[in-house]
Protein backbone atom coordinates (compact mmCIF):
# COMPACT_ATOMS: atom_id res chain seq x y z
CA MET A 1 79.14 44.99 113.90
CA SER A 2 79.25 45.29 109.51
CA ASN A 3 76.68 41.76 110.08
CA PHE A 4 74.17 43.63 112.83
CA LEU A 5 74.04 46.73 110.29
CA LEU A 6 73.38 44.59 107.24
CA ALA A 7 70.58 42.59 109.34
CA SER A 8 67.10 43.94 109.26
CA ILE A 9 67.16 45.03 112.84
CA GLY A 10 70.63 46.97 111.95
CA ARG A 11 68.95 48.37 109.27
CA LYS A 12 66.35 49.53 111.12
CA PHE A 13 68.20 50.37 114.00
CA MET A 14 70.61 52.98 111.81
CA MET A 15 67.09 54.49 110.51
CA SER A 16 66.06 55.10 114.07
CA ILE A 17 69.25 56.90 114.92
CA THR A 18 69.89 58.94 112.02
CA GLY A 19 66.12 60.16 112.12
CA LEU A 20 66.21 60.82 115.78
CA PHE A 21 69.45 62.91 114.97
CA LEU A 22 67.81 64.34 112.26
CA LEU A 23 64.47 65.42 114.18
CA MET A 24 66.42 67.48 116.79
CA PHE A 25 68.36 69.40 114.12
CA ILE A 26 64.87 70.12 112.42
CA THR A 27 63.72 71.32 115.57
CA VAL A 28 66.77 73.72 116.07
CA HIS A 29 66.56 74.89 112.43
CA LEU A 30 63.02 75.85 112.75
CA ALA A 31 63.49 77.60 115.99
CA LEU A 32 65.96 80.05 114.03
CA ASN A 33 63.81 80.23 111.28
CA LEU A 34 61.18 81.56 113.65
CA LEU A 35 63.07 84.66 114.16
CA LEU A 36 62.23 85.89 110.68
CA VAL A 37 58.89 86.16 111.99
CA PHE A 38 59.27 87.47 115.58
CA ASP A 39 61.56 90.51 114.32
CA ASP A 40 60.67 92.48 111.61
CA SER A 41 64.17 94.24 111.50
CA GLY A 42 66.12 90.86 110.75
CA GLU A 43 68.30 91.65 113.30
CA LEU A 44 67.52 88.79 115.40
CA PHE A 45 67.53 86.03 112.59
CA ASN A 46 71.02 87.49 111.22
CA ILE A 47 72.42 87.51 114.84
CA GLY A 48 71.28 83.70 114.81
CA ALA A 49 72.26 82.50 111.19
CA HIS A 50 75.85 84.38 111.94
CA PHE A 51 76.44 82.55 115.36
CA MET A 52 75.48 79.31 113.31
CA ALA A 53 77.85 80.17 110.88
CA THR A 54 81.02 81.12 112.80
CA ASN A 55 80.76 78.95 115.98
CA PRO A 56 83.02 76.32 115.99
CA LEU A 57 81.15 73.46 117.43
CA ILE A 58 78.68 74.15 114.54
CA LYS A 59 80.99 73.76 111.77
CA ILE A 60 82.37 70.81 113.11
CA MET A 61 78.32 68.97 113.70
CA GLU A 62 78.33 70.17 109.83
CA PRO A 63 79.44 67.45 108.18
CA VAL A 64 78.45 65.12 110.69
CA LEU A 65 74.79 66.32 109.90
CA GLY A 66 75.54 65.87 106.31
CA LEU A 67 76.67 62.11 106.68
CA GLY A 68 73.43 61.93 108.96
CA PHE A 69 71.45 62.82 105.98
CA VAL A 70 73.20 60.29 103.52
CA ILE A 71 72.91 57.19 105.93
CA HIS A 72 69.34 58.01 106.45
CA ILE A 73 68.92 58.43 102.86
CA ILE A 74 71.09 55.17 101.91
CA TRP A 75 69.29 53.16 104.35
CA SER A 76 65.93 54.24 103.29
CA LEU A 77 66.85 53.19 100.08
CA ILE A 78 68.40 49.80 100.94
CA ILE A 79 65.25 49.02 103.26
CA THR A 80 63.03 49.65 100.66
CA TYR A 81 64.35 47.35 97.87
CA GLN A 82 64.48 44.64 100.53
CA ASN A 83 60.95 44.89 101.53
CA TRP A 84 59.84 45.38 97.83
CA ARG A 85 61.73 42.08 96.86
CA ALA A 86 60.58 40.23 99.99
CA ARG A 87 56.71 41.09 98.95
CA PRO A 88 54.54 38.23 97.76
CA VAL A 89 53.33 39.26 94.30
CA LYS A 90 49.51 39.35 95.39
CA TYR A 91 48.74 40.34 98.89
CA ASN A 92 45.26 41.77 100.20
CA LYS A 93 45.43 45.84 99.75
CA GLN A 94 42.46 46.20 101.71
CA SER A 95 43.92 44.31 104.63
CA LEU A 96 47.07 46.33 104.42
CA SER A 97 45.34 50.19 103.85
CA GLU A 98 43.50 48.77 107.63
CA SER A 99 46.62 47.78 109.56
CA SER A 100 48.61 51.01 108.52
CA THR A 101 48.69 54.64 107.64
CA TRP A 102 48.68 56.18 104.56
CA ALA A 103 52.24 57.96 105.48
CA SER A 104 53.51 54.25 106.82
CA ARG A 105 53.02 52.95 103.42
CA ASN A 106 54.78 55.83 101.44
CA MET A 107 57.77 56.81 103.58
CA PHE A 108 59.87 56.19 100.61
CA ILE A 109 57.62 58.52 98.40
CA LEU A 110 57.49 61.00 101.35
CA GLY A 111 61.00 60.81 101.99
CA GLY A 112 62.07 61.54 98.03
CA LEU A 113 59.64 64.40 98.09
CA VAL A 114 61.12 65.72 101.45
CA PHE A 115 64.29 65.08 99.53
CA VAL A 116 63.65 67.52 97.08
CA PHE A 117 62.47 70.19 99.58
CA LEU A 118 65.85 69.63 101.02
CA VAL A 119 67.68 70.06 97.94
CA MET A 120 65.56 73.03 97.05
CA HIS A 121 66.00 74.75 100.35
CA ILE A 122 70.07 73.77 100.36
CA ILE A 123 70.60 75.41 96.89
CA ASP A 124 68.60 78.83 97.76
CA PHE A 125 69.59 79.31 100.98
CA PHE A 126 72.42 77.19 102.87
CA TYR A 127 74.71 77.45 99.98
CA VAL A 128 74.39 81.07 99.50
CA MET A 129 74.96 81.75 103.03
CA LYS A 130 77.79 79.39 102.98
CA PHE A 131 79.84 79.89 100.00
CA ASP A 132 78.50 82.45 97.96
CA THR A 133 78.16 85.25 100.46
CA HIS A 134 80.38 87.61 98.45
CA SER A 135 76.49 88.13 96.61
CA MET A 136 75.02 89.17 99.73
CA SER A 137 74.35 92.46 101.03
CA THR A 138 76.14 93.37 104.69
CA VAL A 139 74.77 94.55 107.63
CA ILE A 140 76.36 96.15 111.27
CA ILE A 141 74.74 94.81 114.14
CA ASN A 142 76.14 95.43 117.84
CA GLY A 143 79.26 96.63 115.99
CA ALA A 144 79.67 93.56 114.09
CA GLU A 145 79.28 93.26 110.41
CA MET A 146 77.33 90.29 109.02
CA GLU A 147 75.88 88.88 105.98
CA ASP A 148 72.10 90.04 105.60
CA GLY A 149 70.31 86.84 105.69
CA TYR A 150 66.91 88.03 106.46
CA LYS A 151 66.61 90.09 103.21
CA LEU A 152 67.80 87.28 100.92
CA VAL A 153 64.88 85.33 102.45
CA SER A 154 62.27 87.62 102.66
CA GLU A 155 63.20 88.65 99.22
CA LEU A 156 62.99 85.47 97.33
CA PHE A 157 59.90 84.67 99.22
CA ILE A 158 58.29 87.87 98.39
CA GLY A 159 59.62 88.09 94.70
CA CYS A 160 58.71 84.44 94.13
CA LYS A 161 55.18 83.42 95.29
CA LEU A 162 55.49 80.18 93.39
CA PHE A 163 58.54 79.07 95.74
CA GLY A 164 56.51 80.18 98.52
CA VAL A 165 53.87 77.74 97.61
CA LEU A 166 57.02 74.97 96.87
CA TYR A 167 58.04 75.77 100.33
CA ILE A 168 54.71 75.23 101.97
CA LEU A 169 54.17 72.29 100.10
CA GLY A 170 57.35 70.73 101.12
CA ALA A 171 56.65 71.40 104.73
CA ILE A 172 53.21 69.75 104.67
CA LEU A 173 55.03 66.38 103.12
CA LEU A 174 57.71 66.90 105.91
CA ALA A 175 54.85 66.95 108.36
CA LEU A 176 53.32 63.47 106.71
CA HIS A 177 56.54 62.25 106.76
CA LEU A 178 57.08 62.81 110.80
CA THR A 179 54.09 61.40 111.37
CA HIS A 180 55.20 57.71 110.66
CA GLY A 181 58.98 58.09 111.43
CA PHE A 182 58.53 59.96 114.57
CA TRP A 183 56.79 57.21 116.81
CA SER A 184 58.59 53.90 114.28
CA ALA A 185 62.35 55.16 115.66
CA PHE A 186 61.28 55.15 118.91
CA GLN A 187 59.55 51.65 118.38
CA THR A 188 62.60 50.29 116.76
CA LEU A 189 64.16 51.37 119.59
CA GLY A 190 62.57 49.18 122.15
CA LEU A 191 59.13 51.42 123.00
CA ASN A 192 57.29 48.84 121.48
CA ASN A 193 54.35 48.19 123.85
CA LYS A 194 50.92 49.12 123.42
CA ASN A 195 50.70 52.10 125.98
CA TRP A 196 53.88 53.56 124.81
CA ILE A 197 52.82 53.36 120.89
CA ASN A 198 49.80 55.19 121.40
CA ARG A 199 50.92 57.68 123.57
CA LEU A 200 54.44 58.19 120.65
CA LYS A 201 51.67 58.67 117.42
CA TRP A 202 49.94 61.30 119.40
CA ILE A 203 53.35 63.06 120.49
CA ALA A 204 54.24 62.19 116.99
CA ARG A 205 50.97 63.98 115.17
CA VAL A 206 51.33 67.08 117.28
CA PHE A 207 55.12 67.60 116.94
CA ALA A 208 54.57 67.16 112.86
CA ILE A 209 51.97 69.78 112.79
CA LEU A 210 53.46 72.33 114.97
CA ILE A 211 57.00 71.65 112.56
CA GLY A 212 55.04 71.61 109.14
CA LEU A 213 52.89 74.89 110.74
CA GLY A 214 56.27 76.18 111.55
CA PHE A 215 57.81 76.12 108.28
CA ALA A 216 54.89 76.73 106.36
CA ILE A 217 54.33 80.05 108.40
CA ILE A 218 57.45 81.83 107.63
CA PRO A 219 56.89 81.77 103.45
CA LEU A 220 52.96 82.74 104.14
CA TYR A 221 54.43 85.62 106.66
CA PHE A 222 56.33 87.13 103.60
CA MET A 223 53.67 86.27 100.91
CA LEU A 224 51.24 87.98 102.88
CA GLY A 225 53.14 90.91 103.51
CA LEU A 226 52.56 90.63 106.97
CA ASN A 227 56.43 92.24 107.52
CA ASN A 228 55.44 95.19 106.68
């Protein structure tokens, strides 16, 4: 097993599996966050956030999710380093650009920038909601007391336009990262014939655009005052 993971195909397999796992998380996470713009009272988002914070299954999945991120990042570093070492000193840049997309040639850079966006998100939202709840106000919904996550998010986007702009930029970078990562994950798992790859590339573009727009809409919604 260790030899498989150390081999080129094993590393790519791990990147694909963890990548697809993270794609599912991103989709679910976006679905929850979009409740911010569908209900100005904040009740739907607070109920959803409270469920995610208290559900036993979600608590079990959180460390698994964290491990998925760590593995994905570590393997990307290893693959990038080994590709860099194996690259010839001289190569035809024009041929490279014609045979691959900008996103595929800059996945490591895009991944690094997305990581910065992720860290920013964890510090400002996840950490506060998970470990610093005493600093948050609470609300009563359907007889249950819960932290007012809606107030935390809305006040941050309304009060700090720079943060909103950075969040939108992070959404764009995530979309660019997904345009290549989505279909290449399936390619590594065996769907590499011409017909499937062409279909997956189109699906990847649509999926990436929807994810990017979804995350970008949230700060724009509050920055433009549409919640009033």
